[in-house]
Amino acid sequence: MAAMRPGLEPWNRVKIPKAGSRSTVTVREPGAALGLCVAAVIKECSLITRLLKSQALDAETDVLCAVVYSNHNRMGRHKPHLALKQVEQCIKRLKSMNLEGSIQDLSELFSSSEKQPVTTRECVIPSEPVVELVLLKVLGACKLLLRLLDCCCKTFLLTVKHLGLREFIILNLVMVGLVSRLWVLYKGVLKRLISLYEPLFGLLQEVSRIQPMPYFKDFTFPSDIAAFLGQPYFEIFKKKMSTAFATKGVTKLLNRLFLTKEQPQMSSEEALLRITKKAKQMKTDIENNVDLGQPVRSKKACREESSEFDVRAFCKRLQHRATQLAKEIRVHKNICLQLHSWWLR
């Protein structure tokens, strides 16, 4: 193995050199335990490869890099932005480990055994150095993912506190949603890596028994990965994260900023009446709305009666009086004519 700096754990290295020995071992008449380990490792490798290649994970990572890059100048000294940069650094280091490539190479070594006919009682499996290399990268990736989830939580808390100042509201909302989705996605990756470690460690025990070729001689692989990860693992998978957030006032702050009071439920008649009132109000608002680009046709205002003498009003009243008198004269004349005709009879 390549020389390492003193005090640096092998799983904490970004680039781990590959072994120069052969990569596969041919086993004659494999036992049932080896067959179960091989089947479990192949299944878990396909699942973790599919998860690491998911479009959702790539899209969220691209959004993260774009947000960090576009807001570097104006938010370079803000604590939420600095915490978001730590999340980006963890993701970049995870990609530089080439975990996906190592797991894919391991799964391809198993594919050669599937091409062998069933009559030949032989099985081709990866050698001990290859399995140790993947196991070491899984341990390092799990530790790094725990750090990544912790940075996501810190970014979430700092961003919500920054929202309380009512500054950069849209950007802070984007960051809150971004780190929340990254936390959920990478928690799934961590859970899948932990599921891969157990059958892979069992395969290491079988390979070392069949053909021992230890590669990392100064490091002992833990049998229980939960104990190796320590307290951060139990805080994420055993405790409820909402309780931790509620103790720090995050839920209360978000409710005060964005949630509204719940309205009491109403009957269908009340809802119909309210909709009718809203429709009438909208119609009135549209009629009263004045377009500044169109000429305004204002109604003539009622003129107040003048207290002074108005000749036109007097003439109108005289004309009306004369018309009434003429009508009365015609009526009396007709009556007189009728009486005269009756008298002559």
Protein backbone atom coordinates (compact mmCIF):
# COMPACT_ATOMS: atom_id res chain seq x y z
CA MET A 1 0.00 0.00 0.00
CA ALA A 2 1.12 3.56 -0.66
CA ALA A 3 2.65 5.48 2.22
CA MET A 4 0.24 7.58 4.28
CA ARG A 5 0.78 10.55 6.52
CA PRO A 6 0.86 9.66 10.23
CA GLY A 7 -2.44 10.16 12.04
CA LEU A 8 -4.54 10.09 8.85
CA GLU A 9 -7.08 7.30 8.64
CA PRO A 10 -7.14 5.45 5.29
CA TRP A 11 -10.91 5.99 4.86
CA ASN A 12 -10.36 9.77 5.14
CA ARG A 13 -8.27 9.94 1.98
CA VAL A 14 -9.76 11.31 -1.21
CA LYS A 15 -7.65 9.24 -3.63
CA ILE A 16 -6.79 5.71 -2.60
CA PRO A 17 -4.39 3.82 -4.91
CA LYS A 18 -5.55 0.53 -6.38
CA ALA A 19 -3.79 -2.73 -5.68
CA GLY A 20 -1.46 -4.13 -8.31
CA SER A 21 -2.55 -7.74 -7.80
CA ARG A 22 -5.17 -9.56 -9.80
CA SER A 23 -8.76 -8.43 -9.38
CA THR A 24 -10.66 -11.74 -9.44
CA VAL A 25 -10.49 -15.10 -7.71
CA THR A 26 -11.92 -18.35 -9.08
CA VAL A 27 -13.65 -20.44 -6.44
CA ARG A 28 -14.45 -24.09 -7.07
CA GLU A 29 -17.60 -25.49 -5.55
CA PRO A 30 -18.70 -22.33 -3.72
CA GLY A 31 -20.74 -22.75 -0.57
CA ALA A 32 -24.22 -21.45 0.21
CA ALA A 33 -22.90 -18.60 2.38
CA LEU A 34 -20.74 -17.30 -0.45
CA GLY A 35 -23.67 -17.48 -2.87
CA LEU A 36 -25.88 -15.46 -0.52
CA CYS A 37 -23.19 -12.81 -0.04
CA VAL A 38 -22.61 -12.51 -3.78
CA ALA A 39 -26.34 -12.16 -4.51
CA ALA A 40 -26.80 -9.52 -1.79
CA VAL A 41 -23.76 -7.52 -2.95
CA ILE A 42 -24.92 -7.54 -6.60
CA LYS A 43 -28.38 -6.32 -5.57
CA GLU A 44 -27.09 -3.53 -3.32
CA CYS A 45 -24.52 -2.41 -5.91
CA SER A 46 -27.23 -1.99 -8.55
CA LEU A 47 -29.43 -0.02 -6.15
CA ILE A 48 -26.70 2.35 -5.00
CA THR A 49 -25.49 2.89 -8.58
CA ARG A 50 -28.99 3.76 -9.71
CA LEU A 51 -29.37 6.17 -6.79
CA LEU A 52 -26.06 7.94 -7.44
CA LYS A 53 -26.98 8.34 -11.12
CA SER A 54 -30.45 9.75 -10.45
CA GLN A 55 -31.46 12.88 -12.34
CA ALA A 56 -32.93 14.45 -9.19
CA LEU A 57 -29.57 14.31 -7.42
CA ASP A 58 -27.77 15.83 -10.42
CA ALA A 59 -30.38 18.59 -10.78
CA GLU A 60 -30.19 19.59 -7.11
CA THR A 61 -26.39 19.62 -7.25
CA ASP A 62 -26.45 21.88 -10.32
CA VAL A 63 -28.85 24.27 -8.58
CA LEU A 64 -26.60 24.33 -5.53
CA CYS A 65 -23.52 25.24 -7.58
CA ALA A 66 -25.47 27.93 -9.48
CA VAL A 67 -26.77 29.54 -6.27
CA VAL A 68 -23.34 29.57 -4.65
CA TYR A 69 -21.67 30.98 -7.76
CA SER A 70 -24.25 33.68 -8.57
CA ASN A 71 -24.45 35.06 -5.00
CA HIS A 72 -20.77 34.98 -4.11
CA ASN A 73 -20.23 38.74 -4.36
CA ARG A 74 -23.26 40.11 -2.53
CA MET A 75 -23.51 37.35 0.12
CA GLY A 76 -19.87 36.33 0.46
CA ARG A 77 -19.82 37.13 4.19
CA HIS A 78 -23.27 35.95 5.19
CA LYS A 79 -23.31 32.91 7.46
CA PRO A 80 -26.02 31.04 5.47
CA HIS A 81 -24.00 31.42 2.27
CA LEU A 82 -20.81 30.23 3.97
CA ALA A 83 -22.65 27.18 5.32
CA LEU A 84 -24.03 26.49 1.84
CA LYS A 85 -20.48 26.56 0.47
CA GLN A 86 -19.53 23.86 2.98
CA VAL A 87 -22.36 21.71 1.60
CA GLU A 88 -20.97 22.25 -1.89
CA GLN A 89 -17.46 21.30 -0.76
CA CYS A 90 -18.73 18.03 0.76
CA ILE A 91 -20.51 17.12 -2.47
CA LYS A 92 -17.42 17.92 -4.55
CA ARG A 93 -15.25 15.76 -2.31
CA LEU A 94 -17.77 12.93 -2.55
CA LYS A 95 -17.58 13.08 -6.34
CA SER A 96 -13.78 13.21 -6.31
CA MET A 97 -13.72 9.92 -4.35
CA ASN A 98 -15.09 8.15 -7.44
CA LEU A 99 -17.31 5.98 -5.26
CA GLU A 100 -19.71 5.35 -8.11
CA GLY A 101 -16.91 4.11 -10.40
CA SER A 102 -15.52 1.75 -7.76
CA ILE A 103 -18.93 0.19 -7.05
CA GLN A 104 -19.61 -0.19 -10.77
CA ASP A 105 -16.24 -1.90 -11.30
CA LEU A 106 -17.03 -4.26 -8.45
CA SER A 107 -20.41 -5.19 -9.94
CA GLU A 108 -18.81 -5.82 -13.35
CA LEU A 109 -16.45 -8.36 -11.79
CA PHE A 110 -19.46 -10.37 -10.68
CA SER A 111 -20.94 -10.36 -14.18
CA SER A 112 -18.21 -12.69 -15.43
CA SER A 113 -19.50 -15.41 -13.11
CA GLU A 114 -23.00 -15.12 -14.61
CA LYS A 115 -21.64 -16.04 -18.05
CA GLN A 116 -20.22 -19.31 -16.76
CA PRO A 117 -22.38 -22.41 -17.47
CA VAL A 118 -24.20 -23.97 -14.57
CA THR A 119 -22.50 -27.36 -15.07
CA THR A 120 -19.11 -25.97 -14.10
CA ARG A 121 -18.99 -25.76 -10.35
CA GLU A 122 -16.88 -22.61 -10.35
CA CYS A 123 -17.57 -19.03 -9.32
CA VAL A 124 -15.58 -15.90 -10.15
CA ILE A 125 -15.55 -13.29 -7.37
CA PRO A 126 -13.52 -10.12 -6.72
CA SER A 127 -10.23 -10.51 -4.92
CA GLU A 128 -9.60 -9.34 -1.38
CA PRO A 129 -7.80 -6.07 -2.35
CA VAL A 130 -10.73 -5.02 -4.57
CA VAL A 131 -13.28 -5.72 -1.84
CA GLU A 132 -11.17 -3.90 0.76
CA LEU A 133 -10.86 -0.87 -1.52
CA VAL A 134 -14.63 -0.63 -1.98
CA LEU A 135 -15.24 -1.20 1.73
CA LEU A 136 -12.83 1.59 2.61
CA LYS A 137 -14.52 3.98 0.19
CA VAL A 138 -17.91 3.08 1.64
CA LEU A 139 -16.67 3.92 5.14
CA GLY A 140 -15.22 7.22 3.97
CA ALA A 141 -18.37 8.10 2.02
CA CYS A 142 -20.56 7.37 5.06
CA LYS A 143 -18.45 9.65 7.26
CA LEU A 144 -18.54 12.35 4.58
CA LEU A 145 -22.30 12.03 4.13
CA LEU A 146 -22.81 12.49 7.87
CA ARG A 147 -20.81 15.69 7.63
CA LEU A 148 -22.85 16.73 4.59
CA LEU A 149 -26.16 16.18 6.41
CA ASP A 150 -24.87 18.17 9.38
CA CYS A 151 -23.92 21.07 7.08
CA CYS A 152 -27.39 20.94 5.50
CA CYS A 153 -28.99 21.22 8.94
CA LYS A 154 -26.78 24.18 9.89
CA THR A 155 -27.53 25.92 6.61
CA PHE A 156 -31.25 25.38 7.14
CA LEU A 157 -31.15 26.88 10.63
CA LEU A 158 -29.05 29.89 9.63
CA THR A 159 -31.19 30.59 6.57
CA VAL A 160 -34.41 30.49 8.57
CA LYS A 161 -32.93 32.92 11.10
CA HIS A 162 -31.92 35.17 8.22
CA LEU A 163 -35.51 35.02 6.97
CA GLY A 164 -36.57 36.62 10.25
CA LEU A 165 -34.72 39.78 9.19
CA ARG A 166 -36.88 39.91 6.02
CA GLU A 167 -33.84 40.31 3.77
CA PHE A 168 -33.24 38.35 0.54
CA ILE A 169 -36.55 36.54 1.11
CA ILE A 170 -36.70 34.81 -2.28
CA LEU A 171 -33.07 33.68 -2.12
CA ASN A 172 -33.48 32.39 1.42
CA LEU A 173 -36.60 30.45 0.46
CA VAL A 174 -34.68 28.86 -2.42
CA MET A 175 -31.85 27.91 -0.07
CA VAL A 176 -34.23 26.43 2.52
CA GLY A 177 -35.91 24.25 -0.09
CA LEU A 178 -32.59 23.32 -1.66
CA VAL A 179 -30.86 22.11 1.50
CA SER A 180 -34.02 20.29 2.59
CA ARG A 181 -34.15 18.29 -0.64
CA LEU A 182 -30.40 17.61 -0.52
CA TRP A 183 -30.76 16.37 3.06
CA VAL A 184 -33.49 13.92 2.06
CA LEU A 185 -31.68 12.67 -1.07
CA TYR A 186 -28.29 12.15 0.56
CA LYS A 187 -29.88 10.53 3.60
CA GLY A 188 -31.21 7.92 1.20
CA VAL A 189 -27.71 7.48 -0.26
CA LEU A 190 -26.27 7.04 3.23
CA LYS A 191 -28.91 4.47 4.13
CA ARG A 192 -28.19 2.51 0.97
CA LEU A 193 -24.42 2.55 1.59
CA ILE A 194 -24.96 1.19 5.09
CA SER A 195 -27.07 -1.59 3.60
CA LEU A 196 -24.23 -2.39 1.17
CA TYR A 197 -21.57 -2.60 3.87
CA GLU A 198 -22.93 -5.65 5.69
CA PRO A 199 -23.00 -8.14 2.74
CA LEU A 200 -19.75 -6.68 1.43
CA PHE A 201 -18.07 -7.27 4.78
CA GLY A 202 -19.37 -10.85 4.71
CA LEU A 203 -17.91 -11.28 1.22
CA LEU A 204 -14.57 -9.99 2.53
CA GLN A 205 -14.56 -12.67 5.23
CA GLU A 206 -15.24 -15.40 2.65
CA VAL A 207 -12.60 -14.13 0.20
CA SER A 208 -9.95 -13.75 2.90
CA ARG A 209 -10.63 -17.34 3.95
CA ILE A 210 -10.40 -18.69 0.39
CA GLN A 211 -7.37 -16.70 -0.81
CA PRO A 212 -5.91 -14.21 1.70
CA MET A 213 -4.30 -11.16 0.09
CA PRO A 214 -4.69 -8.31 2.60
CA TYR A 215 -4.14 -4.82 1.16
CA PHE A 216 -4.72 -2.50 4.15
CA LYS A 217 -2.66 -4.28 6.78
CA ASP A 218 -2.68 -1.48 9.36
CA PHE A 219 -6.45 -1.02 9.39
CA THR A 220 -9.14 -3.33 10.78
CA PHE A 221 -12.52 -3.10 9.15
CA PRO A 222 -15.34 -2.76 11.70
CA SER A 223 -17.99 -5.44 11.78
CA ASP A 224 -20.69 -3.00 12.92
CA ILE A 225 -20.77 0.14 10.80
CA ALA A 226 -23.29 1.86 13.11
CA ALA A 227 -20.81 1.73 15.98
CA PHE A 228 -18.07 2.98 13.64
CA LEU A 229 -20.14 6.01 12.57
CA GLY A 230 -20.94 6.86 16.16
CA GLN A 231 -23.37 9.39 17.62
CA PRO A 232 -24.16 11.36 14.41
CA TYR A 233 -25.58 8.19 12.85
CA PHE A 234 -27.93 7.58 15.82
CA GLU A 235 -29.02 11.24 15.83
CA ILE A 236 -30.10 11.05 12.20
CA PHE A 237 -31.72 7.61 12.07
CA LYS A 238 -32.89 7.10 15.63
CA LYS A 239 -34.12 10.57 16.63
CA LYS A 240 -36.74 12.81 15.06
CA MET A 241 -35.21 15.83 13.35
CA SER A 242 -38.39 17.86 13.77
CA THR A 243 -37.94 17.80 17.57
CA ALA A 244 -34.45 19.24 17.24
CA PHE A 245 -35.74 21.97 14.96
CA ALA A 246 -38.66 22.80 17.23
CA THR A 247 -36.38 23.30 20.24
CA LYS A 248 -34.47 25.97 18.37
CA GLY A 249 -37.61 27.88 17.35
CA VAL A 250 -37.41 27.15 13.64
CA THR A 251 -40.97 25.86 13.28
CA LYS A 252 -42.35 28.78 15.26
CA LEU A 253 -40.47 31.30 13.12
CA LEU A 254 -41.63 29.74 9.84
CA ASN A 255 -45.23 29.68 11.06
CA ARG A 256 -45.05 33.34 12.03
CA LEU A 257 -43.65 34.30 8.63
CA PHE A 258 -45.73 32.23 6.21
CA LEU A 259 -48.65 30.42 7.85
CA THR A 260 -52.09 32.02 8.27
CA LYS A 261 -54.77 31.31 10.84
CA GLU A 262 -57.16 28.53 9.95
CA GLN A 263 -60.62 29.78 9.00
CA PRO A 264 -63.72 27.99 10.40
CA GLN A 265 -65.56 25.75 8.01
CA MET A 266 -68.71 27.21 6.43
CA SER A 267 -71.80 25.66 4.91
CA SER A 268 -72.46 25.47 1.18
CA GLU A 269 -75.08 28.27 1.34
CA GLU A 270 -72.68 30.61 3.12
CA ALA A 271 -69.94 29.78 0.64
CA LEU A 272 -72.31 30.47 -2.30
CA LEU A 273 -73.41 33.75 -0.74
CA ARG A 274 -69.80 34.80 -0.20
CA ILE A 275 -68.91 33.94 -3.80
CA THR A 276 -71.89 35.98 -5.05
CA LYS A 277 -70.85 38.97 -2.96
CA LYS A 278 -67.30 38.72 -4.25
CA ALA A 279 -68.57 38.56 -7.86
CA LYS A 280 -70.72 41.66 -7.35
CA GLN A 281 -67.85 43.48 -5.72
CA MET A 282 -65.54 42.58 -8.61
CA LYS A 283 -68.14 43.82 -11.11
CA THR A 284 -68.47 47.12 -9.23
CA ASP A 285 -64.71 47.51 -9.07
CA ILE A 286 -64.45 46.92 -12.83
CA GLU A 287 -67.15 49.51 -13.54
CA ASN A 288 -65.53 52.06 -11.24
CA ASN A 289 -62.11 51.40 -12.63
CA VAL A 290 -60.97 54.28 -14.85
CA ASP A 291 -58.55 53.68 -17.69
CA LEU A 292 -56.11 56.58 -17.82
CA GLY A 293 -55.61 56.02 -21.53
CA GLN A 294 -59.30 56.58 -22.43
CA PRO A 295 -61.35 59.81 -22.28
CA VAL A 296 -63.54 60.01 -19.20
CA ARG A 297 -67.23 60.61 -19.75
CA SER A 298 -68.40 62.18 -16.55
CA LYS A 299 -72.08 62.62 -15.81
CA LYS A 300 -73.50 66.13 -15.57
CA ALA A 301 -73.70 67.22 -12.03
CA CYS A 302 -77.04 68.40 -10.69
CA ARG A 303 -77.06 72.14 -10.51
CA GLU A 304 -78.17 73.68 -7.29
CA GLU A 305 -81.11 76.04 -7.43
CA SER A 306 -80.02 79.61 -7.27
CA SER A 307 -81.43 81.81 -4.56
CA GLU A 308 -81.43 84.81 -6.94
CA PHE A 309 -84.21 85.70 -9.41
CA ASP A 310 -84.00 83.71 -12.63
CA VAL A 311 -85.88 85.19 -15.60
CA ARG A 312 -85.86 81.92 -17.55
CA ALA A 313 -87.42 80.02 -14.69
CA PHE A 314 -90.08 82.72 -14.35
CA CYS A 315 -90.90 82.58 -18.06
CA LYS A 316 -91.21 78.83 -17.88
CA ARG A 317 -93.59 79.07 -14.95
CA LEU A 318 -95.72 81.73 -16.79
CA GLN A 319 -95.87 79.60 -19.92
CA HIS A 320 -96.95 76.60 -17.87
CA ARG A 321 -99.64 78.71 -16.11
CA ALA A 322 -100.98 80.06 -19.42
CA THR A 323 -101.26 76.56 -20.80
CA GLN A 324 -103.26 75.45 -17.75
CA LEU A 325 -105.64 78.46 -18.10
CA ALA A 326 -106.23 77.73 -21.78
CA LYS A 327 -107.14 74.16 -20.95
CA GLU A 328 -109.61 75.29 -18.28
CA ILE A 329 -111.27 77.79 -20.67
CA ARG A 330 -111.77 75.12 -23.30
CA VAL A 331 -113.33 72.79 -20.73
CA HIS A 332 -115.79 75.50 -19.53
CA LYS A 333 -116.67 76.40 -23.12
CA ASN A 334 -117.53 72.82 -23.92
CA ILE A 335 -119.72 72.56 -20.80
CA CYS A 336 -121.56 75.75 -21.73
CA LEU A 337 -122.20 74.51 -25.27
CA GLN A 338 -123.62 71.27 -23.95
CA LEU A 339 -125.94 73.09 -21.53
CA HIS A 340 -127.14 75.43 -24.26
CA SER A 341 -127.97 72.55 -26.58
CA TRP A 342 -129.86 70.78 -23.80
CA TRP A 343 -131.89 74.01 -23.06
CA LEU A 344 -132.95 74.38 -26.65
CA ARG A 345 -134.42 70.91 -26.58
